Protein backbone atom coordinates (compact mmCIF):
# COMPACT_ATOMS: atom_id res chain seq x y z
CA MET A 1 114.29 118.18 94.30
CA ARG A 2 111.29 119.03 96.07
CA LEU A 3 107.89 118.68 94.63
CA LEU A 4 104.36 120.22 95.44
CA LEU A 5 101.23 118.01 94.42
CA ILE A 6 97.88 119.51 93.73
CA SER A 7 94.95 118.89 92.02
CA ASP A 8 91.20 119.88 91.84
CA THR A 9 91.48 123.55 93.16
CA HIS A 10 88.30 124.49 91.46
CA LEU A 11 88.77 128.47 91.87
CA PRO A 12 86.98 130.43 92.65
CA ARG A 13 83.81 128.02 92.91
CA ARG A 14 84.84 126.06 95.89
CA ALA A 15 87.32 128.83 96.97
CA ARG A 16 88.11 132.01 96.85
CA GLU A 17 91.88 131.49 96.62
CA LEU A 18 94.45 129.01 97.30
CA PRO A 19 95.34 128.47 100.85
CA ALA A 20 98.46 130.55 102.13
CA GLU A 21 100.02 127.38 103.27
CA VAL A 22 99.74 125.99 99.77
CA LEU A 23 101.29 129.43 98.22
CA THR A 24 104.34 129.02 100.71
CA GLU A 25 105.02 125.67 99.44
CA VAL A 26 104.75 127.07 95.81
CA GLU A 27 107.39 129.15 96.89
CA ALA A 28 109.66 126.50 98.24
CA ALA A 29 108.97 123.81 95.67
CA ASP A 30 111.36 123.00 92.63
CA VAL A 31 108.54 121.66 90.51
CA VAL A 32 104.91 122.32 91.19
CA VAL A 33 102.34 119.68 89.67
CA HIS A 34 98.71 120.26 89.02
CA ALA A 35 96.56 117.38 88.08
CA GLY A 36 93.55 119.38 86.72
CA ASP A 37 90.30 120.86 87.44
CA TRP A 38 91.97 124.62 87.79
CA VAL A 39 88.51 125.92 86.58
CA ASP A 40 90.17 129.61 86.32
CA THR A 41 92.71 131.01 84.40
CA ALA A 42 93.97 133.01 87.06
CA THR A 43 95.18 130.22 89.12
CA LEU A 44 97.30 128.97 86.29
CA ASP A 45 98.63 132.30 85.78
CA LEU A 46 99.34 132.92 89.33
CA LEU A 47 101.30 129.52 89.76
CA GLU A 48 103.19 130.01 86.13
CA GLU A 49 104.42 133.42 87.90
CA ARG A 50 105.23 131.85 91.37
CA SER A 51 106.55 128.46 90.60
CA ARG A 52 110.13 127.66 89.54
CA ARG A 53 108.72 125.06 87.33
CA LEU A 54 105.13 124.29 86.59
CA ILE A 55 103.64 120.91 85.06
CA GLY A 56 99.91 120.93 84.94
CA VAL A 57 96.97 119.16 82.73
CA TYR A 58 93.35 120.07 82.07
CA GLY A 59 90.49 118.10 84.01
CA ASN A 60 87.02 117.96 83.03
CA ASN A 61 86.06 120.76 84.59
CA ASP A 62 88.15 122.85 82.99
CA GLY A 63 86.94 125.23 79.80
CA PRO A 64 88.56 126.02 76.58
CA ASP A 65 90.59 128.37 77.73
CA LEU A 66 92.76 126.07 79.88
CA ARG A 67 92.57 123.32 77.43
CA ALA A 68 94.40 125.75 74.80
CA ARG A 69 97.16 126.11 77.36
CA LEU A 70 97.39 122.56 79.17
CA PRO A 71 97.73 119.09 77.59
CA GLU A 72 95.39 116.25 78.89
CA ILE A 73 98.43 114.00 80.00
CA ALA A 74 101.68 115.62 80.69
CA HIS A 75 104.95 114.01 81.03
CA ALA A 76 108.58 115.02 82.89
CA GLU A 77 111.72 113.68 83.59
CA LEU A 78 112.19 114.88 87.36
CA GLY A 79 115.51 113.67 89.00
CA GLY A 80 115.89 110.71 87.10
CA LEU A 81 112.29 109.54 87.65
CA ARG A 82 109.88 109.27 84.87
CA PHE A 83 106.60 111.11 85.95
CA GLY A 84 103.22 111.36 84.21
CA MET A 85 100.37 113.54 84.96
CA VAL A 86 96.66 113.00 84.12
CA HIS A 87 93.37 114.12 85.91
CA GLU A 88 91.13 111.10 85.36
CA THR A 89 92.20 107.46 85.92
CA GLY A 90 88.69 106.03 86.28
CA PRO A 91 87.15 103.70 89.24
CA ALA A 92 89.34 103.16 92.31
CA GLN A 93 88.99 99.00 91.89
CA GLY A 94 91.65 98.07 89.47
CA ARG A 95 93.27 101.51 89.14
CA GLU A 96 96.89 100.19 89.75
CA ALA A 97 96.42 97.68 86.96
CA ARG A 98 94.45 99.77 84.43
CA CYS A 99 96.99 102.83 84.90
CA ALA A 100 100.42 100.42 84.56
CA ALA A 101 99.04 98.85 81.40
CA ARG A 102 98.31 102.53 80.16
CA PHE A 103 101.49 104.30 81.08
CA PRO A 104 104.14 101.23 81.00
CA GLU A 105 106.82 104.12 80.39
CA LEU A 106 106.23 105.80 83.91
CA ASP A 107 107.81 105.64 87.28
CA VAL A 108 105.12 107.72 88.81
CA LEU A 109 101.53 109.00 87.82
CA VAL A 110 100.27 111.91 89.93
CA PHE A 111 96.25 112.47 89.27
CA GLY A 112 93.16 114.22 90.48
CA HIS A 113 89.49 114.36 89.76
CA SER A 114 88.22 112.07 93.07
CA HIS A 115 89.60 114.55 95.56
CA ILE A 116 90.54 111.41 97.69
CA PRO A 117 94.23 111.20 98.37
CA TRP A 118 95.49 108.18 97.28
CA ASP A 119 99.19 106.86 97.48
CA SER A 120 99.80 102.95 96.00
CA THR A 121 101.85 100.99 93.97
CA ALA A 122 101.25 98.67 90.84
CA ALA A 123 102.66 95.51 90.74
CA THR A 124 104.75 96.94 88.05
CA GLY A 125 106.63 99.42 90.56
CA LEU A 126 104.31 102.24 89.14
CA ARG A 127 103.57 104.54 91.92
CA LEU A 128 100.48 106.32 92.03
CA LEU A 129 99.58 109.72 93.63
CA ASN A 130 96.59 111.59 94.16
CA PRO A 131 97.23 114.59 96.28
CA GLY A 132 93.57 115.41 97.01
CA SER A 133 92.29 118.98 97.00
CA PRO A 134 93.48 121.86 98.65
CA THR A 135 90.14 123.93 98.41
CA ASP A 136 87.48 121.03 98.24
CA ARG A 137 87.36 118.38 100.73
CA ARG A 138 84.05 117.03 99.39
CA ARG A 139 83.36 113.82 101.45
CA GLU A 140 86.99 113.70 103.08
CA PRO A 141 87.81 114.80 106.57
CA TYR A 142 90.36 117.40 105.46
CA CYS A 143 91.37 119.77 102.51
CA THR A 144 94.97 117.94 101.46
CA TYR A 145 98.14 118.53 99.13
CA MET A 146 101.09 116.55 98.99
CA THR A 147 104.75 116.79 99.10
CA ALA A 148 107.81 114.63 97.85
CA SER A 149 111.56 114.79 96.91
CA VAL A 150 113.26 113.32 94.42
CA THR A 151 116.48 111.87 95.48
CA ASP A 152 119.17 110.08 93.35
CA GLY A 153 116.33 109.13 90.98
CA ASP A 154 114.15 107.94 93.89
CA LEU A 155 110.57 109.12 94.98
CA THR A 156 111.17 110.07 98.62
CA ASP A 157 109.52 111.88 101.67
CA VAL A 158 106.22 111.69 100.05
CA VAL A 159 103.90 113.29 102.74
CA LEU A 160 100.20 114.49 102.63
CA HIS A 161 99.38 117.22 104.45
CA ARG A 162 95.91 118.35 105.74
CA LEU A 163 95.03 121.89 105.83
CA PRO A 164 92.94 123.53 108.83
CA PRO A 165 89.25 123.83 108.10
CA ARG A 166 88.37 127.09 106.73
């Protein structure tokens, strides 16, 4: 099962559209995960139309239209792994322990908010992933997104992709 992980698209404020490379990945993915801060409903509509399966949550910059269509926290079983999605997880310091205590039932937690890519594992085995942002790099050198695979109940091939400057 191929996964595409994105977050913090902030369209159309930070960019006019999703990069073509990300849209190509949408078509290739079995599941697209968006960890919040869509900002516009057009992006949600686009990903719902083009994705085989879309799992998303709202973020702090998402207004009532998006909040009416998306949960704050989402859960999904994907290939035998228990995934959770949330936009905010708080400060980096102590994140693993805090998230492991908050989400003890999960194998993988995908989050956003910081625009800073993150890949770590809590002492409990919870894997934490933040794909960064494909449209707003903030203080990071590149805009980013992640792909991964779920194979035989294992998360494999987790790759952070850097997008070329626009």
